[in-house]
Amino acid sequence: MSEQMPLVQVKHLKQYFDISTGFFRSKPLKAVDDISFDIMPGETLGLVGESGCGKTTAGRTILHLYKPTAGEIIFKGQPIKTKKDIAKFRTRATMVFQDPYSSLDPRMTVSDIIAEPLDVNTDYDPIYKDKNKRRERVLQLMEYVGLNSEHAARYAHEFSGGQRQRVGIARALAVNPEFIVCDEPVSALDVSIQAQVINMFDDLQEKMQLTYLFIAHDLLVVRHISDRIAVMYLGHMVELATAKEIYERPLHPYTKSLISAVPVPDPKVAKANKRIPLTGEIPSPLNAPKGCPFHTRCPYAKDACQESMPEFKEVETGRFVACHRTAEIN
């Protein structure tokens, strides 16, 4: 049997923004700086890290909402390069945005919001030019995400945050995509609603054979939904492994610190766990330190860490880490 091909391949992706530093002067802000990973069909890859690490920019760049500075995005073996490639890719790949309040047009009804991808992607399926078929599809999508048919004629401001996010998810499903970038889709919701939405993502994945890139900063949420987890720091990928490996045996010092901060519901276990706080200043992506970007806060840093960037390499089967001292500190 041949090895399964990744659905999405990201190779040496870079996303730089020119930031003005004075009259006629600018400097590149390296939001995403040479990251590579694959996502297999039907998989959920969690992407985590502190605010400002570049995870949202990575998701938007993969979908070409930002034009990549360098690197390659490959979908089902086909590089996404030309405008025609991008247009075709966007009928198979969509996005659920973080803020359900600002991502929906307040002047459009829910029915029109959900159907908009069908109107824009005119080549997707001509059958939806028929108003009755279009409405049937909208009501079907609303049922998928737990909304009632009477909600179709309402406007976004008439809904709660959780209901608005369901509308956004239904819109993302309109063209029957294979790949969805979920950009912190539950971070703006109440905890009780978060659980409902996460379970809905699981159900939709099974029902529609979806593949997710799930971006989040809540490590408990990521652990629940992800098959594998990638950890980012200051625009770089520092560790990639299965969710079980990341939580039970993190290798990179930054990952160790993140996992030690995850709340544990059992007070006895929580008391026994050793917190690994980070010291030092968080570097600016405008003035990233030479060498390993984490060395200014790493308790294990040595001279080599300040001089050269560690290679993001496979240290165990299916497990990648970027650290000069992985073997020494584990």
Protein backbone atom coordinates (compact mmCIF):
# COMPACT_ATOMS: atom_id res chain seq x y z
CA MET A 1 0.00 0.00 0.00
CA SER A 2 1.39 3.43 -0.96
CA GLU A 3 1.98 6.03 1.70
CA GLN A 4 -0.85 8.55 2.07
CA MET A 5 -0.15 11.99 0.60
CA PRO A 6 -0.51 15.04 2.88
CA LEU A 7 -3.53 17.19 2.12
CA VAL A 8 -1.63 20.40 2.89
CA GLN A 9 2.14 20.90 2.74
CA VAL A 10 3.80 24.07 3.98
CA LYS A 11 7.44 24.44 2.98
CA HIS A 12 9.77 27.15 4.31
CA LEU A 13 6.93 29.64 4.62
CA LYS A 14 7.88 33.25 5.40
CA GLN A 15 5.66 36.27 5.95
CA TYR A 16 7.41 39.61 6.46
CA PHE A 17 5.76 43.01 6.81
CA ASP A 18 7.60 46.25 6.10
CA ILE A 19 7.25 48.54 9.13
CA SER A 20 8.10 52.22 8.86
CA THR A 21 10.88 53.28 11.25
CA GLY A 22 11.20 56.89 10.13
CA PHE A 23 11.31 59.05 7.02
CA PHE A 24 11.81 56.83 3.97
CA ARG A 25 13.04 54.00 6.21
CA SER A 26 11.47 50.66 6.95
CA LYS A 27 12.35 47.38 8.60
CA PRO A 28 10.93 43.88 8.07
CA LEU A 29 8.76 42.46 10.84
CA LYS A 30 9.28 38.71 10.55
CA ALA A 31 5.84 37.47 11.62
CA VAL A 32 6.44 33.99 10.17
CA ASP A 33 10.03 33.01 9.54
CA ASP A 34 10.71 29.76 7.67
CA ILE A 35 8.20 27.21 8.98
CA SER A 36 7.45 23.81 7.44
CA PHE A 37 4.86 21.13 8.24
CA ASP A 38 2.35 18.74 6.66
CA ILE A 39 -1.31 18.11 7.48
CA MET A 40 -2.76 14.72 6.61
CA PRO A 41 -6.34 14.18 5.34
CA GLY A 42 -8.84 14.01 8.21
CA GLU A 43 -6.28 15.27 10.74
CA THR A 44 -6.52 18.17 13.16
CA LEU A 45 -3.20 19.96 13.62
CA GLY A 46 -3.19 22.31 16.60
CA LEU A 47 -1.03 25.43 16.32
CA VAL A 48 -0.20 27.05 19.67
CA GLY A 49 2.01 29.74 21.15
CA GLU A 50 1.92 33.08 22.94
CA SER A 51 0.08 36.07 21.51
CA GLY A 52 2.19 37.61 18.76
CA CYS A 53 4.07 34.41 17.89
CA GLY A 54 2.73 34.42 14.32
CA LYS A 55 0.21 31.59 14.43
CA THR A 56 -2.72 33.61 13.03
CA THR A 57 -0.50 35.13 10.35
CA ALA A 58 0.60 31.62 9.39
CA GLY A 59 -3.02 30.51 8.97
CA ARG A 60 -3.95 33.54 6.88
CA THR A 61 -0.85 33.18 4.72
CA ILE A 62 -1.57 29.52 4.02
CA LEU A 63 -4.96 30.58 2.60
CA HIS A 64 -3.27 33.42 0.67
CA LEU A 65 -5.19 36.10 2.54
CA TYR A 66 -1.65 37.47 2.86
CA LYS A 67 0.69 36.98 -0.08
CA PRO A 68 3.61 34.85 1.18
CA THR A 69 6.98 36.59 1.25
CA ALA A 70 8.64 33.26 0.47
CA GLY A 71 7.96 29.57 0.66
CA GLU A 72 5.45 27.21 -0.84
CA ILE A 73 1.94 25.98 -0.03
CA ILE A 74 0.96 22.71 -1.69
CA PHE A 75 -2.62 21.37 -1.67
CA LYS A 76 -3.19 17.73 -2.69
CA GLY A 77 0.17 17.72 -4.46
CA GLN A 78 -0.55 20.94 -6.40
CA PRO A 79 1.53 24.07 -5.61
CA ILE A 80 -0.62 27.17 -5.07
CA LYS A 81 1.06 29.87 -7.17
CA THR A 82 -1.12 31.59 -9.75
CA LYS A 83 -4.36 33.53 -9.28
CA LYS A 84 -6.19 30.62 -10.89
CA ASP A 85 -4.62 28.21 -8.37
CA ILE A 86 -5.65 30.46 -5.47
CA ALA A 87 -9.24 30.80 -6.74
CA LYS A 88 -9.58 27.03 -7.08
CA PHE A 89 -7.91 26.45 -3.69
CA ARG A 90 -10.41 28.75 -1.96
CA THR A 91 -13.30 26.54 -3.02
CA ARG A 92 -11.63 23.67 -1.14
CA ALA A 93 -10.15 25.61 1.80
CA THR A 94 -11.93 28.13 4.03
CA MET A 95 -11.52 29.89 7.36
CA VAL A 96 -13.41 30.36 10.62
CA PHE A 97 -12.40 33.70 12.10
CA GLN A 98 -11.68 34.48 15.74
CA ASP A 99 -14.14 37.30 16.37
CA PRO A 100 -17.79 36.41 15.65
CA TYR A 101 -18.75 40.06 16.17
CA SER A 102 -16.58 41.62 13.45
CA SER A 103 -16.45 38.77 10.92
CA LEU A 104 -20.15 38.98 9.98
CA ASP A 105 -21.65 41.78 7.88
CA PRO A 106 -24.28 43.56 10.07
CA ARG A 107 -26.25 44.61 6.97
CA MET A 108 -26.81 41.05 5.73
CA THR A 109 -29.26 38.45 6.96
CA VAL A 110 -27.95 35.12 8.21
CA SER A 111 -29.26 33.45 5.06
CA ASP A 112 -27.27 35.82 2.83
CA ILE A 113 -24.13 35.54 4.98
CA ILE A 114 -24.09 31.74 4.75
CA ALA A 115 -24.93 31.74 1.03
CA GLU A 116 -22.35 34.38 0.09
CA PRO A 117 -19.61 31.80 -0.73
CA LEU A 118 -22.07 30.10 -3.10
CA ASP A 119 -22.66 33.45 -4.82
CA VAL A 120 -18.98 34.40 -5.00
CA ASN A 121 -17.70 31.00 -6.16
CA THR A 122 -19.95 30.82 -9.19
CA ASP A 123 -18.04 27.84 -10.61
CA TYR A 124 -18.59 25.73 -7.49
CA ASP A 125 -22.00 24.29 -8.40
CA PRO A 126 -24.38 26.03 -10.86
CA ILE A 127 -27.36 24.36 -9.17
CA TYR A 128 -27.23 26.97 -6.39
CA LYS A 129 -28.11 29.75 -8.83
CA ASP A 130 -31.65 28.45 -8.33
CA LYS A 131 -33.12 30.32 -5.35
CA ASN A 132 -34.92 27.29 -3.98
CA LYS A 133 -31.78 25.11 -4.11
CA ARG A 134 -29.78 27.93 -2.56
CA ARG A 135 -32.23 28.21 0.34
CA GLU A 136 -32.26 24.42 0.83
CA ARG A 137 -28.46 24.46 1.10
CA VAL A 138 -28.53 27.34 3.61
CA LEU A 139 -31.09 25.56 5.81
CA GLN A 140 -29.06 22.35 5.63
CA LEU A 141 -25.94 24.18 6.79
CA MET A 142 -27.85 25.88 9.60
CA GLU A 143 -29.06 22.49 10.77
CA TYR A 144 -25.46 21.19 10.74
CA VAL A 145 -24.37 23.93 13.16
CA GLY A 146 -27.41 23.80 15.44
CA LEU A 147 -29.38 26.83 14.20
CA ASN A 148 -33.12 26.84 13.49
CA SER A 149 -34.69 27.74 10.16
CA GLU A 150 -36.43 30.80 11.66
CA HIS A 151 -32.98 32.30 12.28
CA ALA A 152 -32.37 32.64 8.53
CA ALA A 153 -34.05 36.04 8.18
CA ARG A 154 -32.39 37.60 11.24
CA TYR A 155 -29.32 39.83 11.38
CA ALA A 156 -26.05 39.15 13.19
CA HIS A 157 -26.71 41.66 16.01
CA GLU A 158 -29.76 39.62 17.08
CA PHE A 159 -27.61 36.65 18.11
CA SER A 160 -25.37 35.76 21.03
CA GLY A 161 -21.62 35.28 20.52
CA GLY A 162 -21.94 31.51 20.32
CA GLN A 163 -24.73 31.71 17.75
CA ARG A 164 -22.74 34.17 15.65
CA GLN A 165 -19.79 31.84 15.61
CA ARG A 166 -22.11 29.05 14.45
CA VAL A 167 -23.15 31.30 11.56
CA GLY A 168 -19.47 31.82 10.72
CA ILE A 169 -18.86 28.07 10.77
CA ALA A 170 -21.88 27.45 8.52
CA ARG A 171 -20.50 30.02 6.06
CA ALA A 172 -17.13 28.23 6.07
CA LEU A 173 -18.89 24.95 5.22
CA ALA A 174 -20.96 26.39 2.35
CA VAL A 175 -18.76 25.22 -0.53
CA ASN A 176 -18.18 21.81 1.07
CA PRO A 177 -14.45 22.38 1.77
CA GLU A 178 -11.85 19.77 2.59
CA PHE A 179 -9.59 22.01 4.70
CA ILE A 180 -10.54 24.66 7.28
CA VAL A 181 -8.25 27.04 9.15
CA CYS A 182 -9.86 27.66 12.54
CA ASP A 183 -8.37 30.87 13.95
CA GLU A 184 -9.02 30.76 17.71
CA PRO A 185 -12.72 30.05 17.01
CA VAL A 186 -13.73 29.68 20.68
CA SER A 187 -11.52 32.24 22.42
CA ALA A 188 -14.25 34.92 22.44
CA LEU A 189 -16.93 32.55 23.81
CA ASP A 190 -18.03 31.62 27.33
CA VAL A 191 -16.51 28.42 28.69
CA SER A 192 -19.82 26.53 28.58
CA ILE A 193 -20.33 27.53 24.93
CA GLN A 194 -16.74 26.63 24.07
CA ALA A 195 -17.37 22.97 24.88
CA GLN A 196 -20.46 22.89 22.64
CA VAL A 197 -18.62 24.46 19.70
CA ILE A 198 -15.58 22.18 20.09
CA ASN A 199 -17.83 19.10 20.11
CA MET A 200 -19.56 20.45 17.02
CA PHE A 201 -16.20 20.75 15.24
CA ASP A 202 -15.55 17.09 16.08
CA ASP A 203 -18.96 16.02 14.76
CA LEU A 204 -18.59 18.05 11.55
CA GLN A 205 -15.14 16.61 10.93
CA GLU A 206 -16.50 13.08 11.08
CA LYS A 207 -19.63 13.89 9.06
CA MET A 208 -17.93 15.90 6.28
CA GLN A 209 -14.43 14.36 6.28
CA LEU A 210 -12.79 17.69 7.17
CA THR A 211 -9.16 18.52 7.91
CA TYR A 212 -8.40 21.32 10.38
CA LEU A 213 -5.55 23.66 11.22
CA PHE A 214 -6.76 24.65 14.68
CA ILE A 215 -5.07 27.82 15.98
CA ALA A 216 -5.47 28.54 19.70
CA HIS A 217 -3.73 29.72 22.84
CA ASP A 218 -5.88 27.62 25.20
CA LEU A 219 -3.85 24.46 25.63
CA LEU A 220 -6.74 22.47 27.15
CA VAL A 221 -8.89 23.14 24.08
CA VAL A 222 -6.05 22.20 21.74
CA ARG A 223 -5.40 18.97 23.62
CA HIS A 224 -9.05 17.94 23.30
CA ILE A 225 -9.38 18.45 19.57
CA SER A 226 -5.90 17.93 18.07
CA ASP A 227 -4.21 14.82 16.71
CA ARG A 228 -0.85 16.58 16.52
CA ILE A 229 0.35 19.90 17.94
CA ALA A 230 2.84 22.40 16.56
CA VAL A 231 4.36 25.00 18.89
CA MET A 232 5.44 28.43 17.60
CA TYR A 233 7.68 31.04 19.17
CA LEU A 234 8.51 34.42 17.63
CA GLY A 235 7.65 33.33 14.09
CA HIS A 236 9.47 29.99 14.29
CA MET A 237 8.30 26.42 14.77
CA VAL A 238 10.01 24.98 17.84
CA GLU A 239 8.29 21.60 18.31
CA LEU A 240 5.88 19.31 16.46
CA ALA A 241 4.57 16.00 17.80
CA THR A 242 1.40 14.10 18.64
CA ALA A 243 -0.86 15.71 21.26
CA LYS A 244 -0.08 12.86 23.64
CA GLU A 245 3.69 13.34 23.30
CA ILE A 246 3.49 17.12 23.67
CA TYR A 247 1.52 16.92 26.91
CA GLU A 248 3.21 13.90 28.48
CA ARG A 249 6.82 14.47 27.41
CA PRO A 250 7.55 17.91 25.94
CA LEU A 251 11.14 18.28 24.68
CA HIS A 252 11.67 21.96 23.88
CA PRO A 253 12.18 24.25 26.93
CA TYR A 254 9.46 26.62 25.67
CA THR A 255 6.97 23.75 25.29
CA LYS A 256 7.86 22.54 28.79
CA SER A 257 7.00 25.96 30.20
CA LEU A 258 3.69 26.15 28.32
CA ILE A 259 2.59 22.71 29.46
CA SER A 260 3.55 23.42 33.08
CA ALA A 261 1.12 26.35 33.04
CA VAL A 262 -1.90 24.26 32.01
CA PRO A 263 -4.47 24.20 34.86
CA VAL A 264 -5.09 20.80 36.46
CA PRO A 265 -8.54 20.22 38.03
CA ASP A 266 -7.18 17.93 40.78
CA PRO A 267 -5.69 20.13 43.58
CA LYS A 268 -3.29 17.41 44.75
CA VAL A 269 -1.92 16.87 41.25
CA ALA A 270 -1.73 20.61 40.64
CA LYS A 271 0.25 21.12 43.87
CA ALA A 272 2.69 18.36 42.93
CA ASN A 273 3.28 19.77 39.44
CA LYS A 274 6.30 22.01 39.12
CA ARG A 275 5.67 25.31 37.35
CA ILE A 276 8.43 26.36 34.95
CA PRO A 277 8.28 30.17 34.76
CA LEU A 278 10.03 32.07 31.99
CA THR A 279 12.30 34.98 32.86
CA GLY A 280 13.68 37.76 30.71
CA GLU A 281 12.08 40.01 28.13
CA ILE A 282 10.07 38.79 25.16
CA PRO A 283 12.06 39.90 22.09
CA SER A 284 10.41 42.06 19.45
CA PRO A 285 9.96 40.44 16.03
CA LEU A 286 11.35 43.71 14.64
CA ASN A 287 14.60 43.10 16.52
CA ALA A 288 14.78 39.35 16.91
CA PRO A 289 17.92 38.12 18.67
CA LYS A 290 20.68 36.41 16.75
CA GLY A 291 20.75 32.63 17.01
CA CYS A 292 17.89 30.79 18.71
CA PRO A 293 15.00 33.26 19.22
CA PHE A 294 14.24 31.68 22.61
CA HIS A 295 17.73 31.93 24.11
CA THR A 296 16.98 35.23 25.92
CA ARG A 297 14.43 33.42 28.12
CA CYS A 298 15.77 29.87 28.12
CA PRO A 299 17.24 28.47 31.37
CA TYR A 300 19.39 26.02 29.37
CA ALA A 301 20.91 28.49 26.86
CA LYS A 302 24.63 28.21 26.07
CA ASP A 303 26.97 30.04 23.70
CA ALA A 304 25.88 28.05 20.64
CA CYS A 305 22.28 29.16 21.25
CA GLN A 306 23.31 32.80 20.88
CA GLU A 307 25.33 32.22 17.74
CA SER A 308 23.33 29.96 15.43
CA MET A 309 19.71 29.10 14.70
CA PRO A 310 18.92 25.49 15.66
CA GLU A 311 17.65 23.29 12.86
CA PHE A 312 14.03 22.16 13.05
CA LYS A 313 14.72 18.46 12.66
CA GLU A 314 13.22 15.05 13.36
CA VAL A 315 14.65 13.74 16.65
CA GLU A 316 12.28 10.79 16.95
CA THR A 317 9.89 9.20 14.48
CA GLY A 318 7.32 11.86 13.59
CA ARG A 319 8.67 14.26 16.21
CA PHE A 320 10.44 17.52 15.30
CA VAL A 321 12.28 19.95 17.60
CA ALA A 322 14.42 23.05 17.06
CA CYS A 323 16.86 23.09 19.99
CA HIS A 324 20.65 22.77 20.30
CA ARG A 325 20.37 21.03 23.68
CA THR A 326 17.42 18.66 23.29
CA ALA A 327 19.47 15.55 24.02
CA GLU A 328 21.13 17.12 27.08
CA ILE A 329 18.05 18.44 28.90
CA ASN A 330 15.73 15.45 28.39
